[in-house]
């Protein structure tokens, strides 16, 4: 975890074109946020679970340029809405 990438989606308009840091993966949650799934934060656990897929959401923290740090708040966009996972579409 800790991948830094760009948000490309429209679901979270406040993140549009912002740099974000991936801090977790919500397996199988892209279409049902209430579904039981695994919340994974370790690269090895993610790999064992099949890696990041189009059916996953990711927890991200946006970069706050004026403060020179990542936000304490996080969001949960679809994995395919991040530049680093766009190939999964």
PDB file of N, CA and C in Angstrom:
ATOM      1  N   UNK A   1       0.840  -1.172   0.000  1.00  0.00           N
ATOM      2  CA  UNK A   1       0.000   0.000   0.000  1.00  0.00           C
ATOM      3  C   UNK A   1       0.886   1.236   0.000  1.00  0.00           C
ATOM      4  N   UNK A   2       0.218   2.354  -0.140  1.00  0.00           N
ATOM      5  CA  UNK A   2       0.981   3.591  -0.205  1.00  0.00           C
ATOM      6  C   UNK A   2       1.181   4.092  -1.620  1.00  0.00           C
ATOM      7  N   UNK A   3       0.566   3.416  -2.591  1.00  0.00           N
ATOM      8  CA  UNK A   3       0.657   3.846  -3.989  1.00  0.00           C
ATOM      9  C   UNK A   3       0.084   5.255  -4.105  1.00  0.00           C
ATOM     10  N   UNK A   4       0.788   6.130  -4.792  1.00  0.00           N
ATOM     11  CA  UNK A   4       0.297   7.474  -5.068  1.00  0.00           C
ATOM     12  C   UNK A   4      -0.117   7.515  -6.527  1.00  0.00           C
ATOM     13  N   UNK A   5      -1.323   8.024  -6.788  1.00  0.00           N
ATOM     14  CA  UNK A   5      -1.874   8.029  -8.142  1.00  0.00           C
ATOM     15  C   UNK A   5      -2.850   9.199  -8.273  1.00  0.00           C
ATOM     16  N   UNK A   6      -3.541   9.264  -9.402  1.00  0.00           N
ATOM     17  CA  UNK A   6      -4.500  10.349  -9.667  1.00  0.00           C
ATOM     18  C   UNK A   6      -5.907   9.786  -9.744  1.00  0.00           C
ATOM     19  N   UNK A   7      -6.859  10.502  -9.156  1.00  0.00           N
ATOM     20  CA  UNK A   7      -8.266  10.112  -9.240  1.00  0.00           C
ATOM     21  C   UNK A   7      -8.831  10.610 -10.557  1.00  0.00           C
ATOM     22  N   UNK A   8      -9.420   9.702 -11.346  1.00  0.00           N
ATOM     23  CA  UNK A   8      -9.944  10.044 -12.662  1.00  0.00           C
ATOM     24  C   UNK A   8     -11.471   9.979 -12.746  1.00  0.00           C
ATOM     25  N   UNK A   9     -12.124   9.507 -11.716  1.00  0.00           N
ATOM     26  CA  UNK A   9     -13.568   9.286 -11.761  1.00  0.00           C
ATOM     27  C   UNK A   9     -14.390  10.547 -11.561  1.00  0.00           C
ATOM     28  N   UNK A  10     -15.701  10.345 -11.514  1.00  0.00           N
ATOM     29  CA  UNK A  10     -16.640  11.446 -11.301  1.00  0.00           C
ATOM     30  C   UNK A  10     -17.503  11.240 -10.061  1.00  0.00           C
ATOM     31  N   UNK A  11     -17.479  10.058  -9.494  1.00  0.00           N
ATOM     32  CA  UNK A  11     -18.302   9.734  -8.326  1.00  0.00           C
ATOM     33  C   UNK A  11     -17.963  10.626  -7.126  1.00  0.00           C
ATOM     34  N   UNK A  12     -16.691  10.885  -6.918  1.00  0.00           N
ATOM     35  CA  UNK A  12     -16.225  11.749  -5.835  1.00  0.00           C
ATOM     36  C   UNK A  12     -15.681  13.030  -6.482  1.00  0.00           C
ATOM     37  N   UNK A  13     -16.551  13.950  -6.809  1.00  0.00           N
ATOM     38  CA  UNK A  13     -16.169  15.134  -7.598  1.00  0.00           C
ATOM     39  C   UNK A  13     -15.087  15.977  -6.920  1.00  0.00           C
ATOM     40  N   UNK A  14     -15.038  15.993  -5.606  1.00  0.00           N
ATOM     41  CA  UNK A  14     -14.029  16.775  -4.881  1.00  0.00           C
ATOM     42  C   UNK A  14     -12.618  16.194  -5.045  1.00  0.00           C
ATOM     43  N   UNK A  15     -12.514  14.975  -5.547  1.00  0.00           N
ATOM     44  CA  UNK A  15     -11.204  14.355  -5.771  1.00  0.00           C
ATOM     45  C   UNK A  15     -10.737  14.474  -7.220  1.00  0.00           C
ATOM     46  N   UNK A  16     -11.600  14.956  -8.107  1.00  0.00           N
ATOM     47  CA  UNK A  16     -11.300  14.973  -9.546  1.00  0.00           C
ATOM     48  C   UNK A  16      -9.915  15.540  -9.829  1.00  0.00           C
ATOM     49  N   UNK A  17      -9.099  14.737 -10.484  1.00  0.00           N
ATOM     50  CA  UNK A  17      -7.738  15.074 -10.913  1.00  0.00           C
ATOM     51  C   UNK A  17      -6.766  15.305  -9.754  1.00  0.00           C
ATOM     52  N   UNK A  18      -7.162  14.959  -8.533  1.00  0.00           N
ATOM     53  CA  UNK A  18      -6.274  15.124  -7.382  1.00  0.00           C
ATOM     54  C   UNK A  18      -5.347  13.924  -7.220  1.00  0.00           C
ATOM     55  N   UNK A  19      -4.182  14.192  -6.687  1.00  0.00           N
ATOM     56  CA  UNK A  19      -3.265  13.133  -6.302  1.00  0.00           C
ATOM     57  C   UNK A  19      -3.793  12.520  -5.004  1.00  0.00           C
ATOM     58  N   UNK A  20      -3.808  11.206  -4.952  1.00  0.00           N
ATOM     59  CA  UNK A  20      -4.281  10.489  -3.767  1.00  0.00           C
ATOM     60  C   UNK A  20      -3.315   9.363  -3.440  1.00  0.00           C
ATOM     61  N   UNK A  21      -3.350   8.950  -2.174  1.00  0.00           N
ATOM     62  CA  UNK A  21      -2.538   7.815  -1.719  1.00  0.00           C
ATOM     63  C   UNK A  21      -3.482   6.682  -1.325  1.00  0.00           C
ATOM     64  N   UNK A  22      -3.230   5.495  -1.849  1.00  0.00           N
ATOM     65  CA  UNK A  22      -4.036   4.315  -1.534  1.00  0.00           C
ATOM     66  C   UNK A  22      -3.589   3.772  -0.184  1.00  0.00           C
ATOM     67  N   UNK A  23      -4.556   3.601   0.731  1.00  0.00           N
ATOM     68  CA  UNK A  23      -4.215   3.088   2.056  1.00  0.00           C
ATOM     69  C   UNK A  23      -4.898   1.762   2.380  1.00  0.00           C
ATOM     70  N   UNK A  24      -5.841   1.338   1.526  1.00  0.00           N
ATOM     71  CA  UNK A  24      -6.514   0.063   1.763  1.00  0.00           C
ATOM     72  C   UNK A  24      -7.349  -0.347   0.571  1.00  0.00           C
ATOM     73  N   UNK A  25      -7.706  -1.625   0.530  1.00  0.00           N
ATOM     74  CA  UNK A  25      -8.540  -2.176  -0.533  1.00  0.00           C
ATOM     75  C   UNK A  25      -9.748  -2.841   0.106  1.00  0.00           C
ATOM     76  N   UNK A  26     -10.933  -2.511  -0.397  1.00  0.00           N
ATOM     77  CA  UNK A  26     -12.177  -3.134   0.052  1.00  0.00           C
ATOM     78  C   UNK A  26     -12.573  -4.133  -1.022  1.00  0.00           C
ATOM     79  N   UNK A  27     -12.236  -5.411  -0.813  1.00  0.00           N
ATOM     80  CA  UNK A  27     -12.467  -6.451  -1.813  1.00  0.00           C
ATOM     81  C   UNK A  27     -13.958  -6.630  -2.091  1.00  0.00           C
ATOM     82  N   UNK A  28     -14.318  -6.607  -3.377  1.00  0.00           N
ATOM     83  CA  UNK A  28     -15.677  -6.884  -3.806  1.00  0.00           C
ATOM     84  C   UNK A  28     -16.698  -5.836  -3.443  1.00  0.00           C
ATOM     85  N   UNK A  29     -16.285  -4.632  -3.140  1.00  0.00           N
ATOM     86  CA  UNK A  29     -17.219  -3.611  -2.651  1.00  0.00           C
ATOM     87  C   UNK A  29     -17.612  -2.573  -3.691  1.00  0.00           C
ATOM     88  N   UNK A  30     -17.210  -2.719  -4.936  1.00  0.00           N
ATOM     89  CA  UNK A  30     -17.461  -1.673  -5.937  1.00  0.00           C
ATOM     90  C   UNK A  30     -18.941  -1.449  -6.186  1.00  0.00           C
ATOM     91  N   UNK A  31     -19.738  -2.475  -6.035  1.00  0.00           N
ATOM     92  CA  UNK A  31     -21.151  -2.323  -6.371  1.00  0.00           C
ATOM     93  C   UNK A  31     -22.063  -2.394  -5.161  1.00  0.00           C
ATOM     94  N   UNK A  32     -21.540  -2.800  -4.029  1.00  0.00           N
ATOM     95  CA  UNK A  32     -22.354  -2.905  -2.827  1.00  0.00           C
ATOM     96  C   UNK A  32     -21.487  -2.602  -1.609  1.00  0.00           C
ATOM     97  N   UNK A  33     -21.539  -1.345  -1.167  1.00  0.00           N
ATOM     98  CA  UNK A  33     -20.702  -0.941  -0.035  1.00  0.00           C
ATOM     99  C   UNK A  33     -21.091  -1.633   1.267  1.00  0.00           C
ATOM    100  N   UNK A  34     -22.310  -2.192   1.320  1.00  0.00           N
ATOM    101  CA  UNK A  34     -22.743  -2.885   2.526  1.00  0.00           C
ATOM    102  C   UNK A  34     -22.394  -4.373   2.502  1.00  0.00           C
ATOM    103  N   UNK A  35     -21.858  -4.845   1.387  1.00  0.00           N
ATOM    104  CA  UNK A  35     -21.510  -6.260   1.273  1.00  0.00           C
ATOM    105  C   UNK A  35     -20.361  -6.600   2.211  1.00  0.00           C
ATOM    106  N   UNK A  36     -20.405  -7.817   2.728  1.00  0.00           N
ATOM    107  CA  UNK A  36     -19.287  -8.276   3.550  1.00  0.00           C
ATOM    108  C   UNK A  36     -18.094  -8.507   2.636  1.00  0.00           C
ATOM    109  N   UNK A  37     -16.998  -7.957   2.999  1.00  0.00           N
ATOM    110  CA  UNK A  37     -15.787  -8.128   2.205  1.00  0.00           C
ATOM    111  C   UNK A  37     -14.579  -7.909   3.082  1.00  0.00           C
ATOM    112  N   UNK A  38     -13.453  -8.142   2.517  1.00  0.00           N
ATOM    113  CA  UNK A  38     -12.215  -7.969   3.263  1.00  0.00           C
ATOM    114  C   UNK A  38     -11.684  -6.560   3.079  1.00  0.00           C
ATOM    115  N   UNK A  39     -11.230  -5.985   4.155  1.00  0.00           N
ATOM    116  CA  UNK A  39     -10.514  -4.712   4.102  1.00  0.00           C
ATOM    117  C   UNK A  39      -9.048  -5.050   4.277  1.00  0.00           C
ATOM    118  N   UNK A  40      -8.277  -4.828   3.209  1.00  0.00           N
ATOM    119  CA  UNK A  40      -6.880  -5.257   3.198  1.00  0.00           C
ATOM    120  C   UNK A  40      -5.949  -4.058   3.111  1.00  0.00           C
ATOM    121  N   UNK A  41      -4.883  -4.093   3.898  1.00  0.00           N
ATOM    122  CA  UNK A  41      -3.913  -2.992   3.888  1.00  0.00           C
ATOM    123  C   UNK A  41      -2.489  -3.471   3.637  1.00  0.00           C
ATOM    124  N   UNK A  42      -2.296  -4.754   3.498  1.00  0.00           N
ATOM    125  CA  UNK A  42      -0.962  -5.320   3.292  1.00  0.00           C
ATOM    126  C   UNK A  42      -0.863  -5.866   1.866  1.00  0.00           C
ATOM    127  N   UNK A  43       0.210  -5.520   1.166  1.00  0.00           N
ATOM    128  CA  UNK A  43       0.385  -5.944  -0.227  1.00  0.00           C
ATOM    129  C   UNK A  43       0.331  -7.463  -0.384  1.00  0.00           C
ATOM    130  N   UNK A  44       0.891  -8.200   0.544  1.00  0.00           N
ATOM    131  CA  UNK A  44       0.862  -9.670   0.454  1.00  0.00           C
ATOM    132  C   UNK A  44      -0.551 -10.211   0.605  1.00  0.00           C
ATOM    133  N   UNK A  45      -1.324  -9.629   1.519  1.00  0.00           N
ATOM    134  CA  UNK A  45      -2.716 -10.060   1.690  1.00  0.00           C
ATOM    135  C   UNK A  45      -3.538  -9.746   0.442  1.00  0.00           C
ATOM    136  N   UNK A  46      -3.281  -8.597  -0.153  1.00  0.00           N
ATOM    137  CA  UNK A  46      -3.984  -8.215  -1.383  1.00  0.00           C
ATOM    138  C   UNK A  46      -3.647  -9.188  -2.503  1.00  0.00           C
ATOM    139  N   UNK A  47      -2.380  -9.536  -2.639  1.00  0.00           N
ATOM    140  CA  UNK A  47      -1.959 -10.495  -3.667  1.00  0.00           C
ATOM    141  C   UNK A  47      -2.615 -11.855  -3.438  1.00  0.00           C
ATOM    142  N   UNK A  48      -2.664 -12.323  -2.186  1.00  0.00           N
ATOM    143  CA  UNK A  48      -3.299 -13.616  -1.866  1.00  0.00           C
ATOM    144  C   UNK A  48      -4.793 -13.606  -2.172  1.00  0.00           C
ATOM    145  N   UNK A  49      -5.413 -12.424  -2.083  1.00  0.00           N
ATOM    146  CA  UNK A  49      -6.849 -12.293  -2.353  1.00  0.00           C
ATOM    147  C   UNK A  49      -7.134 -12.083  -3.839  1.00  0.00           C
ATOM    148  N   UNK A  50      -6.118 -12.197  -4.682  1.00  0.00           N
ATOM    149  CA  UNK A  50      -6.322 -12.062  -6.122  1.00  0.00           C
ATOM    150  C   UNK A  50      -5.943 -10.711  -6.683  1.00  0.00           C
ATOM    151  N   UNK A  51      -5.320  -9.877  -5.878  1.00  0.00           N
ATOM    152  CA  UNK A  51      -4.937  -8.543  -6.334  1.00  0.00           C
ATOM    153  C   UNK A  51      -6.135  -7.610  -6.394  1.00  0.00           C
ATOM    154  N   UNK A  52      -5.903  -6.404  -6.832  1.00  0.00           N
ATOM    155  CA  UNK A  52      -6.975  -5.421  -6.979  1.00  0.00           C
ATOM    156  C   UNK A  52      -7.711  -5.736  -8.271  1.00  0.00           C
ATOM    157  N   UNK A  53      -9.054  -5.742  -8.213  1.00  0.00           N
ATOM    158  CA  UNK A  53      -9.874  -6.043  -9.385  1.00  0.00           C
ATOM    159  C   UNK A  53     -10.863  -4.907  -9.643  1.00  0.00           C
ATOM    160  N   UNK A  54     -11.573  -5.017 -10.758  1.00  0.00           N
ATOM    161  CA  UNK A  54     -12.587  -4.023 -11.115  1.00  0.00           C
ATOM    162  C   UNK A  54     -13.750  -4.023 -10.125  1.00  0.00           C
ATOM    163  N   UNK A  55     -13.882  -5.060  -9.321  1.00  0.00           N
ATOM    164  CA  UNK A  55     -14.973  -5.154  -8.349  1.00  0.00           C
ATOM    165  C   UNK A  55     -14.607  -4.625  -6.974  1.00  0.00           C
ATOM    166  N   UNK A  56     -13.463  -3.989  -6.863  1.00  0.00           N
ATOM    167  CA  UNK A  56     -12.990  -3.495  -5.568  1.00  0.00           C
ATOM    168  C   UNK A  56     -13.106  -1.984  -5.466  1.00  0.00           C
ATOM    169  N   UNK A  57     -13.165  -1.524  -4.256  1.00  0.00           N
ATOM    170  CA  UNK A  57     -13.009  -0.113  -3.943  1.00  0.00           C
ATOM    171  C   UNK A  57     -11.692   0.026  -3.203  1.00  0.00           C
ATOM    172  N   UNK A  58     -11.167   1.230  -3.209  1.00  0.00           N
ATOM    173  CA  UNK A  58      -9.925   1.483  -2.483  1.00  0.00           C
ATOM    174  C   UNK A  58     -10.132   2.661  -1.551  1.00  0.00           C
ATOM    175  N   UNK A  59      -9.481   2.621  -0.423  1.00  0.00           N
ATOM    176  CA  UNK A  59      -9.528   3.764   0.487  1.00  0.00           C
ATOM    177  C   UNK A  59      -8.331   4.637   0.155  1.00  0.00           C
ATOM    178  N   UNK A  60      -8.611   5.923  -0.059  1.00  0.00           N
ATOM    179  CA  UNK A  60      -7.554   6.859  -0.449  1.00  0.00           C
ATOM    180  C   UNK A  60      -7.590   8.106   0.420  1.00  0.00           C
ATOM    181  N   UNK A  61      -6.433   8.737   0.514  1.00  0.00           N
ATOM    182  CA  UNK A  61      -6.294  10.030   1.179  1.00  0.00           C
ATOM    183  C   UNK A  61      -5.812  11.027   0.129  1.00  0.00           C
ATOM    184  N   UNK A  62      -6.515  12.156  -0.035  1.00  0.00           N
ATOM    185  CA  UNK A  62      -6.064  13.158  -1.005  1.00  0.00           C
ATOM    186  C   UNK A  62      -4.880  13.970  -0.484  1.00  0.00           C
ATOM    187  N   UNK A  63      -4.040  14.418  -1.414  1.00  0.00           N
ATOM    188  CA  UNK A  63      -2.905  15.273  -1.115  1.00  0.00           C
ATOM    189  C   UNK A  63      -3.417  16.697  -0.941  1.00  0.00           C
ATOM    190  N   UNK A  64      -3.013  17.344   0.138  1.00  0.00           N
ATOM    191  CA  UNK A  64      -3.378  18.746   0.386  1.00  0.00           C
ATOM    192  C   UNK A  64      -2.152  19.584   0.057  1.00  0.00           C
ATOM    193  N   UNK A  65      -2.165  20.168  -1.129  1.00  0.00           N
ATOM    194  CA  UNK A  65      -0.998  20.901  -1.646  1.00  0.00           C
ATOM    195  C   UNK A  65      -0.552  22.010  -0.697  1.00  0.00           C
ATOM    196  N   UNK A  66      -1.487  22.849  -0.255  1.00  0.00           N
ATOM    197  CA  UNK A  66      -1.121  24.010   0.565  1.00  0.00           C
ATOM    198  C   UNK A  66      -0.551  23.637   1.929  1.00  0.00           C
ATOM    199  N   UNK A  67      -0.834  22.413   2.387  1.00  0.00           N
ATOM    200  CA  UNK A  67      -0.293  21.975   3.675  1.00  0.00           C
ATOM    201  C   UNK A  67       0.881  21.006   3.512  1.00  0.00           C
ATOM    202  N   UNK A  68       1.123  20.570   2.268  1.00  0.00           N
ATOM    203  CA  UNK A  68       2.236  19.682   2.005  1.00  0.00           C
ATOM    204  C   UNK A  68       2.120  18.314   2.665  1.00  0.00           C
ATOM    205  N   UNK A  69       0.882  17.794   2.714  1.00  0.00           N
ATOM    206  CA  UNK A  69       0.670  16.488   3.353  1.00  0.00           C
ATOM    207  C   UNK A  69      -0.603  15.843   2.816  1.00  0.00           C
ATOM    208  N   UNK A  70      -0.757  14.560   3.099  1.00  0.00           N
ATOM    209  CA  UNK A  70      -1.990  13.867   2.767  1.00  0.00           C
ATOM    210  C   UNK A  70      -3.031  14.153   3.848  1.00  0.00           C
ATOM    211  N   UNK A  71      -4.283  14.197   3.452  1.00  0.00           N
ATOM    212  CA  UNK A  71      -5.388  14.460   4.362  1.00  0.00           C
ATOM    213  C   UNK A  71      -5.531  13.342   5.393  1.00  0.00           C
ATOM    214  N   UNK A  72      -6.074  13.700   6.539  1.00  0.00           N
ATOM    215  CA  UNK A  72      -6.416  12.699   7.545  1.00  0.00           C
ATOM    216  C   UNK A  72      -7.714  12.002   7.165  1.00  0.00           C
ATOM    217  N   UNK A  73      -8.563  12.694   6.378  1.00  0.00           N
ATOM    218  CA  UNK A  73      -9.831  12.137   5.912  1.00  0.00           C
ATOM    219  C   UNK A  73      -9.574  11.232   4.711  1.00  0.00           C
ATOM    220  N   UNK A  74     -10.439  10.250   4.530  1.00  0.00           N
ATOM    221  CA  UNK A  74     -10.271   9.348   3.399  1.00  0.00           C
ATOM    222  C   UNK A  74     -11.590   9.188   2.645  1.00  0.00           C
ATOM    223  N   UNK A  75     -11.503   8.644   1.440  1.00  0.00           N
ATOM    224  CA  UNK A  75     -12.655   8.369   0.592  1.00  0.00           C
ATOM    225  C   UNK A  75     -12.504   6.956   0.043  1.00  0.00           C
ATOM    226  N   UNK A  76     -13.581   6.413  -0.526  1.00  0.00           N
ATOM    227  CA  UNK A  76     -13.555   5.028  -1.006  1.00  0.00           C
ATOM    228  C   UNK A  76     -14.017   4.910  -2.465  1.00  0.00           C
ATOM    229  N   UNK A  77     -13.251   5.447  -3.406  1.00  0.00           N
ATOM    230  CA  UNK A  77     -13.635   5.342  -4.812  1.00  0.00           C
ATOM    231  C   UNK A  77     -13.466   3.920  -5.356  1.00  0.00           C
ATOM    232  N   UNK A  78     -14.097   3.687  -6.505  1.00  0.00           N
ATOM    233  CA  UNK A  78     -13.896   2.424  -7.209  1.00  0.00           C
ATOM    234  C   UNK A  78     -12.440   2.345  -7.655  1.00  0.00           C
ATOM    235  N   UNK A  79     -11.873   1.169  -7.613  1.00  0.00           N
ATOM    236  CA  UNK A  79     -10.474   0.994  -8.023  1.00  0.00           C
ATOM    237  C   UNK A  79     -10.250   1.487  -9.446  1.00  0.00           C
ATOM    238  N   UNK A  80     -11.191   1.225 -10.352  1.00  0.00           N
ATOM    239  CA  UNK A  80     -11.024   1.599 -11.760  1.00  0.00           C
ATOM    240  C   UNK A  80     -11.037   3.103 -11.986  1.00  0.00           C
ATOM    241  N   UNK A  81     -11.385   3.877 -10.972  1.00  0.00           N
ATOM    242  CA  UNK A  81     -11.390   5.336 -11.088  1.00  0.00           C
ATOM    243  C   UNK A  81     -10.048   5.961 -10.701  1.00  0.00           C
ATOM    244  N   UNK A  82      -9.066   5.128 -10.432  1.00  0.00           N
ATOM    245  CA  UNK A  82      -7.713   5.601 -10.152  1.00  0.00           C
ATOM    246  C   UNK A  82      -6.823   5.291 -11.353  1.00  0.00           C
ATOM    247  N   UNK A  83      -5.941   6.218 -11.677  1.00  0.00           N
ATOM    248  CA  UNK A  83      -5.062   6.055 -12.846  1.00  0.00           C
ATOM    249  C   UNK A  83      -4.289   4.744 -12.793  1.00  0.00           C
ATOM    250  N   UNK A  84      -3.811   4.346 -11.629  1.00  0.00           N
ATOM    251  CA  UNK A  84      -2.990   3.142 -11.524  1.00  0.00           C
ATOM    252  C   UNK A  84      -3.769   1.848 -11.751  1.00  0.00           C
ATOM    253  N   UNK A  85      -5.100   1.900 -11.669  1.00  0.00           N
ATOM    254  CA  UNK A  85      -5.928   0.713 -11.880  1.00  0.00           C
ATOM    255  C   UNK A  85      -6.867   0.868 -13.074  1.00  0.00           C
ATOM    256  N   UNK A  86      -6.736   1.917 -13.850  1.00  0.00           N
ATOM    257  CA  UNK A  86      -7.631   2.183 -14.982  1.00  0.00           C
ATOM    258  C   UNK A  86      -7.621   1.035 -15.996  1.00  0.00           C
ATOM    259  N   UNK A  87      -6.531   0.307 -16.079  1.00  0.00           N
ATOM    260  CA  UNK A  87      -6.435  -0.822 -17.020  1.00  0.00           C
ATOM    261  C   UNK A  87      -7.420  -1.946 -16.684  1.00  0.00           C
ATOM    262  N   UNK A  88      -8.022  -1.921 -15.493  1.00  0.00           N
ATOM    263  CA  UNK A  88      -8.959  -2.954 -15.077  1.00  0.00           C
ATOM    264  C   UNK A  88     -10.370  -2.736 -15.634  1.00  0.00           C
ATOM    265  N   UNK A  89     -10.617  -1.587 -16.224  1.00  0.00           N
ATOM    266  CA  UNK A  89     -11.972  -1.285 -16.742  1.00  0.00           C
ATOM    267  C   UNK A  89     -12.429  -2.277 -17.748  1.00  0.00           C
TER     268      UNK A  89
END
